[in-house]
Amino acid sequence: MRHYTRFDSQEARNLLLSFIDPAVPALSNELIRHHDGRLVRRLVELAQRDATVQRRMFDLAKEKIPTSHAIVLGKVLTSLGTTDALLASLELLRDDGNGGGSYDLHRNIEEAFVEHRPYRSSSNTVTMVPRSSNAIRSRLMEMVQHDPLRRKSAFALLNEIEKWRMWHGRPDGEPRSPKIEDGFLWPPELEGGA
């Protein structure tokens, strides 16, 4: 695999894309297990270099693709490090477990809401500081309200975010519910003055 990824040829691009795009002929899933980290890094580099590839990745997240492709795609999207890519990765969630939900997605959502700041001069100690990410919260709330394929997954993530807020605080200016103007309050258990 290293031989192909050193060159930016169409053959190398197709090899990389075959792990996330079912329209490109696939190789063995065994390669994914053995080269997962390198594969994700190379796909991230390709997406950062080529806006067309990045757009295709965002489009693939909205399609029903095989779970093995969705998991790799989710890791790539969350590794891109942008809010748009993280929002696109939410499309890979599926309540039936056949989507691209992964530890990487969960970890990156946590990092979007809780910053890990180094504590003084220690490299092993961090301070957890709340960080606002209303675009992600809003999208998750839309999924709870209107997306039957992802409702439970979105609800679970919103519960996690609320736990992080209880443990680490809420950033200044973050509303309890970014959808309050629509009459949607979060968390639902607290509606009605509970």
N, C-alpha and C. Protein backbone atom coordinates (compact mmCIF):
# COMPACT_ATOMS: atom_id res chain seq x y z
N MET A 1 0.82 -1.19 0.00
CA MET A 1 0.00 0.00 0.00
C MET A 1 0.87 1.26 0.00
N ARG A 2 1.99 1.22 0.72
CA ARG A 2 2.87 2.38 0.78
C ARG A 2 3.32 2.79 -0.62
N HIS A 3 3.57 1.80 -1.48
CA HIS A 3 4.02 2.06 -2.85
C HIS A 3 3.03 2.95 -3.59
N TYR A 4 1.71 2.69 -3.45
CA TYR A 4 0.70 3.45 -4.17
C TYR A 4 0.50 4.85 -3.61
N THR A 5 0.54 5.00 -2.28
CA THR A 5 0.19 6.28 -1.68
C THR A 5 1.30 7.32 -1.80
N ARG A 6 2.48 6.92 -2.22
CA ARG A 6 3.55 7.91 -2.40
C ARG A 6 3.33 8.73 -3.66
N PHE A 7 2.55 8.25 -4.58
CA PHE A 7 2.34 8.93 -5.85
C PHE A 7 0.88 9.36 -5.95
N ASP A 8 0.67 10.57 -6.42
CA ASP A 8 -0.69 11.08 -6.55
C ASP A 8 -1.23 10.73 -7.93
N SER A 9 -1.27 9.45 -8.23
CA SER A 9 -1.81 9.00 -9.51
C SER A 9 -3.28 8.65 -9.34
N GLN A 10 -3.98 8.50 -10.43
CA GLN A 10 -5.38 8.10 -10.36
C GLN A 10 -5.50 6.71 -9.74
N GLU A 11 -4.56 5.84 -10.04
CA GLU A 11 -4.57 4.49 -9.46
C GLU A 11 -4.44 4.56 -7.94
N ALA A 12 -3.54 5.41 -7.44
CA ALA A 12 -3.38 5.56 -5.99
C ALA A 12 -4.62 6.16 -5.36
N ARG A 13 -5.19 7.15 -6.02
CA ARG A 13 -6.42 7.77 -5.50
C ARG A 13 -7.55 6.75 -5.44
N ASN A 14 -7.69 5.96 -6.50
CA ASN A 14 -8.75 4.95 -6.52
C ASN A 14 -8.55 3.90 -5.43
N LEU A 15 -7.29 3.53 -5.19
CA LEU A 15 -7.01 2.58 -4.12
C LEU A 15 -7.51 3.14 -2.79
N LEU A 16 -7.16 4.37 -2.50
CA LEU A 16 -7.60 4.98 -1.24
C LEU A 16 -9.12 5.11 -1.17
N LEU A 17 -9.71 5.61 -2.24
CA LEU A 17 -11.16 5.84 -2.25
C LEU A 17 -11.96 4.54 -2.19
N SER A 18 -11.36 3.43 -2.62
CA SER A 18 -12.10 2.16 -2.60
C SER A 18 -12.50 1.74 -1.19
N PHE A 19 -11.85 2.30 -0.17
CA PHE A 19 -12.18 1.95 1.22
C PHE A 19 -13.38 2.71 1.76
N ILE A 20 -13.81 3.77 1.04
CA ILE A 20 -14.95 4.55 1.51
C ILE A 20 -16.05 4.68 0.48
N ASP A 21 -15.74 4.50 -0.79
CA ASP A 21 -16.69 4.73 -1.87
C ASP A 21 -17.05 3.40 -2.53
N PRO A 22 -18.29 2.93 -2.35
CA PRO A 22 -18.67 1.66 -2.96
C PRO A 22 -18.70 1.69 -4.48
N ALA A 23 -18.64 2.87 -5.08
CA ALA A 23 -18.61 2.97 -6.55
C ALA A 23 -17.24 2.63 -7.12
N VAL A 24 -16.21 2.60 -6.25
CA VAL A 24 -14.86 2.25 -6.68
C VAL A 24 -14.62 0.79 -6.29
N PRO A 25 -14.13 -0.05 -7.20
CA PRO A 25 -13.92 -1.47 -6.88
C PRO A 25 -13.10 -1.64 -5.60
N ALA A 26 -13.61 -2.49 -4.72
CA ALA A 26 -13.02 -2.65 -3.39
C ALA A 26 -11.91 -3.69 -3.37
N LEU A 27 -11.04 -3.53 -2.38
CA LEU A 27 -10.01 -4.52 -2.09
C LEU A 27 -10.42 -5.25 -0.81
N SER A 28 -9.60 -6.10 -0.34
CA SER A 28 -9.88 -6.92 0.84
C SER A 28 -10.08 -6.07 2.09
N ASN A 29 -11.06 -6.46 2.90
CA ASN A 29 -11.26 -5.81 4.20
C ASN A 29 -10.10 -6.07 5.14
N GLU A 30 -9.33 -7.10 4.85
CA GLU A 30 -8.15 -7.40 5.66
C GLU A 30 -7.17 -6.23 5.63
N LEU A 31 -7.08 -5.55 4.50
CA LEU A 31 -6.20 -4.38 4.40
C LEU A 31 -6.63 -3.28 5.36
N ILE A 32 -7.93 -3.11 5.53
CA ILE A 32 -8.43 -2.08 6.44
C ILE A 32 -7.94 -2.35 7.85
N ARG A 33 -8.08 -3.58 8.30
CA ARG A 33 -7.67 -3.92 9.67
C ARG A 33 -6.17 -3.72 9.88
N HIS A 34 -5.37 -4.04 8.89
CA HIS A 34 -3.92 -3.95 9.06
C HIS A 34 -3.36 -2.55 8.82
N HIS A 35 -4.08 -1.73 8.09
CA HIS A 35 -3.54 -0.42 7.71
C HIS A 35 -4.47 0.74 8.07
N ASP A 36 -5.33 0.53 9.06
CA ASP A 36 -6.37 1.50 9.37
C ASP A 36 -5.84 2.91 9.61
N GLY A 37 -4.85 3.05 10.48
CA GLY A 37 -4.33 4.39 10.81
C GLY A 37 -3.70 5.08 9.61
N ARG A 38 -2.87 4.35 8.89
CA ARG A 38 -2.24 4.93 7.70
C ARG A 38 -3.27 5.25 6.62
N LEU A 39 -4.22 4.36 6.45
CA LEU A 39 -5.27 4.56 5.46
C LEU A 39 -6.05 5.84 5.75
N VAL A 40 -6.45 6.04 7.00
CA VAL A 40 -7.19 7.24 7.38
C VAL A 40 -6.34 8.48 7.14
N ARG A 41 -5.08 8.45 7.54
CA ARG A 41 -4.20 9.61 7.33
C ARG A 41 -4.08 9.97 5.85
N ARG A 42 -3.91 8.95 5.01
CA ARG A 42 -3.76 9.21 3.57
C ARG A 42 -5.05 9.77 2.97
N LEU A 43 -6.19 9.26 3.40
CA LEU A 43 -7.47 9.78 2.90
C LEU A 43 -7.70 11.22 3.37
N VAL A 44 -7.29 11.52 4.60
CA VAL A 44 -7.40 12.90 5.11
C VAL A 44 -6.53 13.82 4.25
N GLU A 45 -5.29 13.40 3.99
CA GLU A 45 -4.39 14.21 3.14
C GLU A 45 -4.99 14.43 1.76
N LEU A 46 -5.58 13.39 1.19
CA LEU A 46 -6.19 13.51 -0.13
C LEU A 46 -7.36 14.48 -0.09
N ALA A 47 -8.19 14.40 0.93
CA ALA A 47 -9.34 15.30 1.05
C ALA A 47 -8.90 16.75 1.26
N GLN A 48 -7.80 16.94 1.98
CA GLN A 48 -7.30 18.30 2.21
C GLN A 48 -6.69 18.90 0.94
N ARG A 49 -6.15 18.05 0.07
CA ARG A 49 -5.56 18.52 -1.18
C ARG A 49 -6.58 18.73 -2.28
N ASP A 50 -7.66 17.96 -2.25
CA ASP A 50 -8.58 17.93 -3.37
C ASP A 50 -10.01 18.18 -2.89
N ALA A 51 -10.53 19.37 -3.19
CA ALA A 51 -11.89 19.75 -2.75
C ALA A 51 -12.96 18.85 -3.35
N THR A 52 -12.73 18.32 -4.54
CA THR A 52 -13.70 17.41 -5.17
C THR A 52 -13.81 16.12 -4.38
N VAL A 53 -12.69 15.60 -3.92
CA VAL A 53 -12.69 14.39 -3.11
C VAL A 53 -13.39 14.67 -1.78
N GLN A 54 -13.10 15.80 -1.17
CA GLN A 54 -13.74 16.14 0.09
C GLN A 54 -15.26 16.25 -0.07
N ARG A 55 -15.70 16.88 -1.14
CA ARG A 55 -17.14 17.00 -1.41
C ARG A 55 -17.76 15.62 -1.59
N ARG A 56 -17.06 14.71 -2.29
CA ARG A 56 -17.55 13.34 -2.47
C ARG A 56 -17.69 12.64 -1.13
N MET A 57 -16.73 12.86 -0.24
CA MET A 57 -16.82 12.26 1.10
C MET A 57 -18.05 12.76 1.85
N PHE A 58 -18.30 14.06 1.77
CA PHE A 58 -19.47 14.63 2.43
C PHE A 58 -20.75 14.04 1.83
N ASP A 59 -20.77 13.86 0.52
CA ASP A 59 -21.94 13.27 -0.15
C ASP A 59 -22.12 11.80 0.24
N LEU A 60 -21.02 11.06 0.33
CA LEU A 60 -21.09 9.65 0.71
C LEU A 60 -21.68 9.47 2.10
N ALA A 61 -21.41 10.42 2.98
CA ALA A 61 -21.94 10.32 4.35
C ALA A 61 -23.46 10.32 4.36
N LYS A 62 -24.08 10.89 3.35
CA LYS A 62 -25.55 10.95 3.27
C LYS A 62 -26.15 9.71 2.62
N GLU A 63 -25.30 8.90 1.98
CA GLU A 63 -25.78 7.72 1.27
C GLU A 63 -25.75 6.49 2.18
N LYS A 64 -26.48 5.48 1.79
CA LYS A 64 -26.43 4.19 2.50
C LYS A 64 -25.28 3.40 1.90
N ILE A 65 -24.17 3.37 2.61
CA ILE A 65 -22.98 2.66 2.15
C ILE A 65 -22.70 1.51 3.11
N PRO A 66 -21.94 0.50 2.68
CA PRO A 66 -21.64 -0.62 3.58
C PRO A 66 -20.99 -0.14 4.88
N THR A 67 -21.27 -0.84 5.96
CA THR A 67 -20.76 -0.46 7.28
C THR A 67 -19.24 -0.33 7.29
N SER A 68 -18.53 -1.24 6.64
CA SER A 68 -17.06 -1.17 6.64
C SER A 68 -16.58 0.13 5.99
N HIS A 69 -17.25 0.57 4.93
CA HIS A 69 -16.91 1.83 4.28
C HIS A 69 -17.28 3.02 5.19
N ALA A 70 -18.44 2.92 5.82
CA ALA A 70 -18.93 4.02 6.67
C ALA A 70 -18.02 4.25 7.86
N ILE A 71 -17.49 3.18 8.44
CA ILE A 71 -16.61 3.34 9.60
C ILE A 71 -15.32 4.05 9.20
N VAL A 72 -14.72 3.65 8.09
CA VAL A 72 -13.50 4.32 7.62
C VAL A 72 -13.82 5.78 7.26
N LEU A 73 -14.92 6.00 6.55
CA LEU A 73 -15.30 7.36 6.18
C LEU A 73 -15.51 8.23 7.43
N GLY A 74 -16.16 7.68 8.45
CA GLY A 74 -16.36 8.43 9.69
C GLY A 74 -15.04 8.83 10.33
N LYS A 75 -14.08 7.92 10.33
CA LYS A 75 -12.77 8.25 10.91
C LYS A 75 -12.08 9.35 10.10
N VAL A 76 -12.22 9.29 8.78
CA VAL A 76 -11.61 10.31 7.93
C VAL A 76 -12.27 11.66 8.19
N LEU A 77 -13.59 11.70 8.19
CA LEU A 77 -14.29 12.97 8.39
C LEU A 77 -13.96 13.59 9.73
N THR A 78 -13.96 12.79 10.79
CA THR A 78 -13.66 13.36 12.10
C THR A 78 -12.20 13.79 12.19
N SER A 79 -11.31 13.14 11.44
CA SER A 79 -9.89 13.52 11.45
C SER A 79 -9.62 14.79 10.66
N LEU A 80 -10.54 15.19 9.80
CA LEU A 80 -10.35 16.44 9.04
C LEU A 80 -10.32 17.65 9.97
N GLY A 81 -10.99 17.54 11.11
CA GLY A 81 -10.88 18.58 12.13
C GLY A 81 -11.68 19.84 11.90
N THR A 82 -12.67 19.80 11.01
CA THR A 82 -13.50 20.98 10.79
C THR A 82 -14.92 20.71 11.29
N THR A 83 -15.63 21.77 11.61
CA THR A 83 -17.02 21.63 12.02
C THR A 83 -17.86 21.03 10.90
N ASP A 84 -17.63 21.46 9.67
CA ASP A 84 -18.39 20.91 8.54
C ASP A 84 -18.18 19.41 8.40
N ALA A 85 -16.96 18.95 8.57
CA ALA A 85 -16.67 17.52 8.46
C ALA A 85 -17.30 16.76 9.62
N LEU A 86 -17.27 17.32 10.81
CA LEU A 86 -17.90 16.67 11.96
C LEU A 86 -19.41 16.61 11.78
N LEU A 87 -20.00 17.68 11.26
CA LEU A 87 -21.44 17.66 10.96
C LEU A 87 -21.77 16.60 9.92
N ALA A 88 -20.93 16.48 8.90
CA ALA A 88 -21.15 15.45 7.87
C ALA A 88 -21.05 14.06 8.47
N SER A 89 -20.14 13.87 9.41
CA SER A 89 -19.97 12.54 10.01
C SER A 89 -21.19 12.12 10.81
N LEU A 90 -21.97 13.07 11.30
CA LEU A 90 -23.20 12.73 12.03
C LEU A 90 -24.19 11.99 11.14
N GLU A 91 -24.10 12.22 9.83
CA GLU A 91 -24.98 11.52 8.88
C GLU A 91 -24.70 10.02 8.84
N LEU A 92 -23.54 9.62 9.32
CA LEU A 92 -23.17 8.20 9.31
C LEU A 92 -23.77 7.43 10.47
N LEU A 93 -24.33 8.11 11.44
CA LEU A 93 -24.95 7.43 12.57
C LEU A 93 -26.18 6.67 12.09
N ARG A 94 -26.39 5.49 12.66
CA ARG A 94 -27.59 4.70 12.37
C ARG A 94 -28.01 4.01 13.66
N ASP A 95 -29.29 4.10 13.98
CA ASP A 95 -29.78 3.45 15.19
C ASP A 95 -29.68 1.93 15.12
N ASP A 96 -29.67 1.37 13.92
CA ASP A 96 -29.60 -0.08 13.77
C ASP A 96 -28.17 -0.61 13.87
N GLY A 97 -27.19 0.27 14.09
CA GLY A 97 -25.80 -0.15 14.24
C GLY A 97 -25.07 -0.39 12.93
N ASN A 98 -25.71 -0.12 11.80
CA ASN A 98 -25.09 -0.36 10.50
C ASN A 98 -24.51 0.90 9.88
N GLY A 99 -24.12 1.83 10.70
CA GLY A 99 -23.56 3.08 10.18
C GLY A 99 -22.09 3.21 10.51
N GLY A 100 -21.63 4.45 10.55
CA GLY A 100 -20.22 4.72 10.76
C GLY A 100 -19.90 5.26 12.13
N GLY A 101 -20.80 5.05 13.10
CA GLY A 101 -20.51 5.49 14.45
C GLY A 101 -19.29 4.73 14.97
N SER A 102 -18.41 5.43 15.67
CA SER A 102 -17.18 4.79 16.15
C SER A 102 -16.65 5.55 17.36
N TYR A 103 -15.66 4.98 17.98
CA TYR A 103 -14.98 5.65 19.08
C TYR A 103 -14.42 6.99 18.62
N ASP A 104 -13.87 7.03 17.40
CA ASP A 104 -13.28 8.27 16.87
C ASP A 104 -14.31 9.38 16.78
N LEU A 105 -15.51 9.05 16.30
CA LEU A 105 -16.57 10.05 16.20
C LEU A 105 -16.94 10.56 17.59
N HIS A 106 -17.13 9.65 18.52
CA HIS A 106 -17.50 10.04 19.89
C HIS A 106 -16.42 10.93 20.51
N ARG A 107 -15.15 10.53 20.35
CA ARG A 107 -14.03 11.30 20.91
C ARG A 107 -13.97 12.72 20.31
N ASN A 108 -14.19 12.81 18.99
CA ASN A 108 -14.13 14.13 18.35
C ASN A 108 -15.31 15.01 18.72
N ILE A 109 -16.45 14.41 18.94
CA ILE A 109 -17.59 15.20 19.43
C ILE A 109 -17.30 15.70 20.83
N GLU A 110 -16.72 14.85 21.67
CA GLU A 110 -16.35 15.30 23.02
C GLU A 110 -15.36 16.46 22.94
N GLU A 111 -14.36 16.36 22.06
CA GLU A 111 -13.37 17.43 21.94
C GLU A 111 -13.99 18.72 21.42
N ALA A 112 -15.09 18.62 20.66
CA ALA A 112 -15.78 19.81 20.18
C ALA A 112 -16.48 20.55 21.33
N PHE A 113 -16.79 19.82 22.41
CA PHE A 113 -17.52 20.39 23.54
C PHE A 113 -16.68 20.58 24.80
N VAL A 114 -15.57 19.85 24.90
CA VAL A 114 -14.72 19.94 26.08
C VAL A 114 -13.27 20.04 25.62
N GLU A 115 -12.67 21.18 25.86
CA GLU A 115 -11.27 21.39 25.48
C GLU A 115 -10.36 20.80 26.56
N HIS A 116 -9.31 20.13 26.13
CA HIS A 116 -8.33 19.54 27.04
C HIS A 116 -7.09 20.45 27.03
N ARG A 117 -7.02 21.37 27.97
CA ARG A 117 -5.89 22.30 28.03
C ARG A 117 -4.80 21.74 28.93
N PRO A 118 -3.54 21.80 28.47
CA PRO A 118 -2.44 21.35 29.33
C PRO A 118 -2.42 22.16 30.63
N TYR A 119 -2.19 21.47 31.73
CA TYR A 119 -2.14 22.12 33.03
C TYR A 119 -0.72 22.51 33.37
N ARG A 120 -0.49 23.81 33.45
CA ARG A 120 0.83 24.37 33.74
C ARG A 120 1.88 23.76 32.84
N SER A 121 2.96 23.25 33.41
CA SER A 121 4.03 22.71 32.57
C SER A 121 3.98 21.19 32.48
N SER A 122 2.93 20.58 32.98
CA SER A 122 2.84 19.12 32.96
C SER A 122 2.31 18.63 31.62
N SER A 123 2.98 17.64 31.06
CA SER A 123 2.52 17.07 29.80
C SER A 123 1.50 15.95 30.03
N ASN A 124 1.34 15.52 31.27
CA ASN A 124 0.44 14.42 31.59
C ASN A 124 -0.86 14.87 32.24
N THR A 125 -1.03 16.16 32.48
CA THR A 125 -2.20 16.65 33.18
C THR A 125 -2.89 17.71 32.33
N VAL A 126 -4.22 17.61 32.26
CA VAL A 126 -4.98 18.59 31.50
C VAL A 126 -6.11 19.14 32.36
N THR A 127 -6.56 20.31 31.99
CA THR A 127 -7.74 20.92 32.58
C THR A 127 -8.86 20.81 31.55
N MET A 128 -10.02 20.35 31.97
CA MET A 128 -11.16 20.21 31.08
C MET A 128 -11.97 21.50 31.11
N VAL A 129 -12.08 22.15 29.95
CA VAL A 129 -12.75 23.45 29.85
C VAL A 129 -13.89 23.34 28.85
N PRO A 130 -15.11 23.77 29.24
CA PRO A 130 -16.22 23.68 28.29
C PRO A 130 -16.00 24.58 27.08
N ARG A 131 -16.46 24.09 25.95
CA ARG A 131 -16.33 24.84 24.71
C ARG A 131 -17.69 24.75 23.99
N SER A 132 -18.09 25.84 23.36
CA SER A 132 -19.39 25.89 22.69
C SER A 132 -19.33 25.31 21.29
N SER A 133 -20.34 24.54 20.95
CA SER A 133 -20.46 24.00 19.60
C SER A 133 -21.95 23.88 19.25
N ASN A 134 -22.58 25.04 19.13
CA ASN A 134 -24.02 25.08 18.92
C ASN A 134 -24.45 24.47 17.60
N ALA A 135 -23.61 24.52 16.56
CA ALA A 135 -23.99 23.94 15.27
C ALA A 135 -24.19 22.43 15.41
N ILE A 136 -23.32 21.78 16.15
CA ILE A 136 -23.44 20.33 16.34
C ILE A 136 -24.65 20.00 17.21
N ARG A 137 -24.83 20.74 18.30
CA ARG A 137 -26.00 20.51 19.15
C ARG A 137 -27.29 20.72 18.37
N SER A 138 -27.34 21.76 17.57
CA SER A 138 -28.55 22.03 16.78
C SER A 138 -28.84 20.90 15.81
N ARG A 139 -27.78 20.40 15.15
CA ARG A 139 -27.98 19.30 14.19
C ARG A 139 -28.46 18.04 14.89
N LEU A 140 -27.89 17.74 16.06
CA LEU A 140 -28.33 16.57 16.81
C LEU A 140 -29.79 16.71 17.24
N MET A 141 -30.19 17.91 17.63
CA MET A 141 -31.59 18.13 18.02
C MET A 141 -32.53 17.98 16.83
N GLU A 142 -32.10 18.43 15.67
CA GLU A 142 -32.91 18.22 14.45
C GLU A 142 -33.07 16.73 14.18
N MET A 143 -32.00 15.97 14.39
CA MET A 143 -32.06 14.53 14.17
C MET A 143 -33.03 13.86 15.15
N VAL A 144 -33.02 14.30 16.40
CA VAL A 144 -33.95 13.75 17.39
C VAL A 144 -35.39 14.02 16.97
N GLN A 145 -35.64 15.21 16.46
CA GLN A 145 -37.00 15.62 16.09
C GLN A 145 -37.48 15.01 14.78
N HIS A 146 -36.58 14.90 13.79
CA HIS A 146 -37.04 14.62 12.43
C HIS A 146 -36.37 13.46 11.70
N ASP A 147 -35.47 12.74 12.33
CA ASP A 147 -34.70 11.72 11.62
C ASP A 147 -34.88 10.35 12.28
N PRO A 148 -35.84 9.56 11.80
CA PRO A 148 -36.10 8.27 12.44
C PRO A 148 -34.93 7.27 12.34
N LEU A 149 -34.03 7.43 11.37
CA LEU A 149 -32.89 6.52 11.24
C LEU A 149 -31.80 6.78 12.29
N ARG A 150 -31.77 8.01 12.80
CA ARG A 150 -30.68 8.43 13.69
C ARG A 150 -31.16 8.98 15.03
N ARG A 151 -32.46 8.94 15.28
CA ARG A 151 -33.05 9.58 16.46
C ARG A 151 -32.40 9.10 17.76
N LYS A 152 -32.33 7.79 17.97
CA LYS A 152 -31.78 7.26 19.23
C LYS A 152 -30.30 7.58 19.37
N SER A 153 -29.55 7.50 18.28
CA SER A 153 -28.11 7.80 18.33
C SER A 153 -27.89 9.27 18.67
N ALA A 154 -28.67 10.15 18.05
CA ALA A 154 -28.56 11.58 18.33
C ALA A 154 -28.95 11.88 19.77
N PHE A 155 -30.00 11.24 20.23
CA PHE A 155 -30.46 11.44 21.61
C PHE A 155 -29.37 11.02 22.60
N ALA A 156 -28.72 9.87 22.33
CA ALA A 156 -27.65 9.40 23.20
C ALA A 156 -26.49 10.39 23.24
N LEU A 157 -26.13 10.96 22.08
CA LEU A 157 -25.04 11.95 22.06
C LEU A 157 -25.43 13.22 22.81
N LEU A 158 -26.66 13.65 22.65
CA LEU A 158 -27.11 14.84 23.39
C LEU A 158 -27.06 14.59 24.89
N ASN A 159 -27.42 13.38 25.32
CA ASN A 159 -27.29 13.04 26.74
C ASN A 159 -25.84 13.11 27.20
N GLU A 160 -24.93 12.60 26.36
CA GLU A 160 -23.50 12.67 26.70
C GLU A 160 -23.05 14.12 26.83
N ILE A 161 -23.46 14.95 25.89
CA ILE A 161 -23.08 16.37 25.93
C ILE A 161 -23.59 17.01 27.21
N GLU A 162 -24.81 16.67 27.61
CA GLU A 162 -25.36 17.23 28.84
C GLU A 162 -24.57 16.76 30.06
N LYS A 163 -24.10 15.51 30.05
CA LYS A 163 -23.25 15.02 31.14
C LYS A 163 -21.96 15.81 31.20
N TRP A 164 -21.35 16.04 30.02
CA TRP A 164 -20.11 16.82 29.99
C TRP A 164 -20.36 18.21 30.55
N ARG A 165 -21.53 18.78 30.27
CA ARG A 165 -21.86 20.12 30.79
C ARG A 165 -22.01 20.08 32.31
N MET A 166 -22.59 19.01 32.83
CA MET A 166 -22.73 18.91 34.29
C MET A 166 -21.36 18.76 34.95
N TRP A 167 -20.47 17.99 34.32
CA TRP A 167 -19.15 17.75 34.91
C TRP A 167 -18.21 18.94 34.75
N HIS A 168 -18.24 19.61 33.59
CA HIS A 168 -17.24 20.62 33.28
C HIS A 168 -17.80 22.04 33.15
N GLY A 169 -19.11 22.20 33.29
CA GLY A 169 -19.73 23.51 33.18
C GLY A 169 -20.19 23.81 31.76
N ARG A 170 -20.91 24.89 31.63
CA ARG A 170 -21.44 25.34 30.34
C ARG A 170 -20.69 26.61 29.96
N PRO A 171 -20.25 26.71 28.71
CA PRO A 171 -19.52 27.93 28.32
C PRO A 171 -20.44 29.16 28.35
N ASP A 172 -19.84 30.31 28.59
CA ASP A 172 -20.61 31.55 28.60
C ASP A 172 -21.35 31.73 27.29
N GLY A 173 -22.61 32.11 27.40
CA GLY A 173 -23.39 32.43 26.21
C GLY A 173 -24.03 31.23 25.53
N GLU A 174 -23.77 30.01 25.99
CA GLU A 174 -24.39 28.85 25.37
C GLU A 174 -25.78 28.65 25.96
N PRO A 175 -26.81 28.69 25.12
CA PRO A 175 -28.15 28.45 25.65
C PRO A 175 -28.31 26.99 26.06
N ARG A 176 -29.18 26.76 27.02
CA ARG A 176 -29.44 25.37 27.43
C ARG A 176 -29.92 24.56 26.23
N SER A 177 -30.73 25.20 25.39
CA SER A 177 -31.21 24.56 24.17
C SER A 177 -31.08 25.54 23.02
N PRO A 178 -30.27 25.24 21.99
CA PRO A 178 -30.14 26.18 20.87
C PRO A 178 -31.41 26.26 20.02
N LYS A 179 -32.39 25.41 20.30
CA LYS A 179 -33.64 25.41 19.53
C LYS A 179 -34.79 25.98 20.34
N ILE A 180 -34.50 26.74 21.39
CA ILE A 180 -35.54 27.21 22.28
C ILE A 180 -36.58 28.07 21.55
N GLU A 181 -36.13 28.80 20.52
CA GLU A 181 -37.07 29.64 19.77
C GLU A 181 -38.10 28.80 19.01
N ASP A 182 -37.79 27.52 18.77
CA ASP A 182 -38.73 26.62 18.10
C ASP A 182 -39.59 25.86 19.09
N GLY A 183 -39.43 26.16 20.38
CA GLY A 183 -40.21 25.46 21.40
C GLY A 183 -39.64 24.10 21.76
N PHE A 184 -38.39 23.81 21.37
CA PHE A 184 -37.76 22.53 21.69
C PHE A 184 -36.77 22.76 22.81
N LEU A 185 -37.06 22.21 23.97
CA LEU A 185 -36.18 22.38 25.12
C LEU A 185 -35.38 21.11 25.35
N TRP A 186 -34.13 21.29 25.77
CA TRP A 186 -33.29 20.15 26.07
C TRP A 186 -32.77 20.26 27.47
N PRO A 187 -32.70 19.21 28.23
CA PRO A 187 -33.18 17.86 27.89
C PRO A 187 -34.69 17.76 28.11
N PRO A 188 -35.34 16.87 27.36
CA PRO A 188 -36.79 16.76 27.46
C PRO A 188 -37.29 16.45 28.86
N GLU A 189 -36.49 15.69 29.66
CA GLU A 189 -36.92 15.34 31.02
C GLU A 189 -37.12 16.58 31.88
N LEU A 190 -36.47 17.69 31.54
CA LEU A 190 -36.54 18.89 32.35
C LEU A 190 -37.68 19.82 31.93
N GLU A 191 -38.41 19.47 30.85
CA GLU A 191 -39.54 20.29 30.46
C GLU A 191 -40.61 20.25 31.54
N GLY A 192 -41.34 21.32 31.69
CA GLY A 192 -42.44 21.36 32.63
C GLY A 192 -41.99 21.60 34.07
N GLY A 193 -40.75 22.14 34.22
CA GLY A 193 -40.30 22.55 35.54
C GLY A 193 -39.75 21.45 36.41
N ALA A 194 -39.39 20.31 35.83
CA ALA A 194 -38.83 19.22 36.64
C ALA A 194 -37.48 19.61 37.19
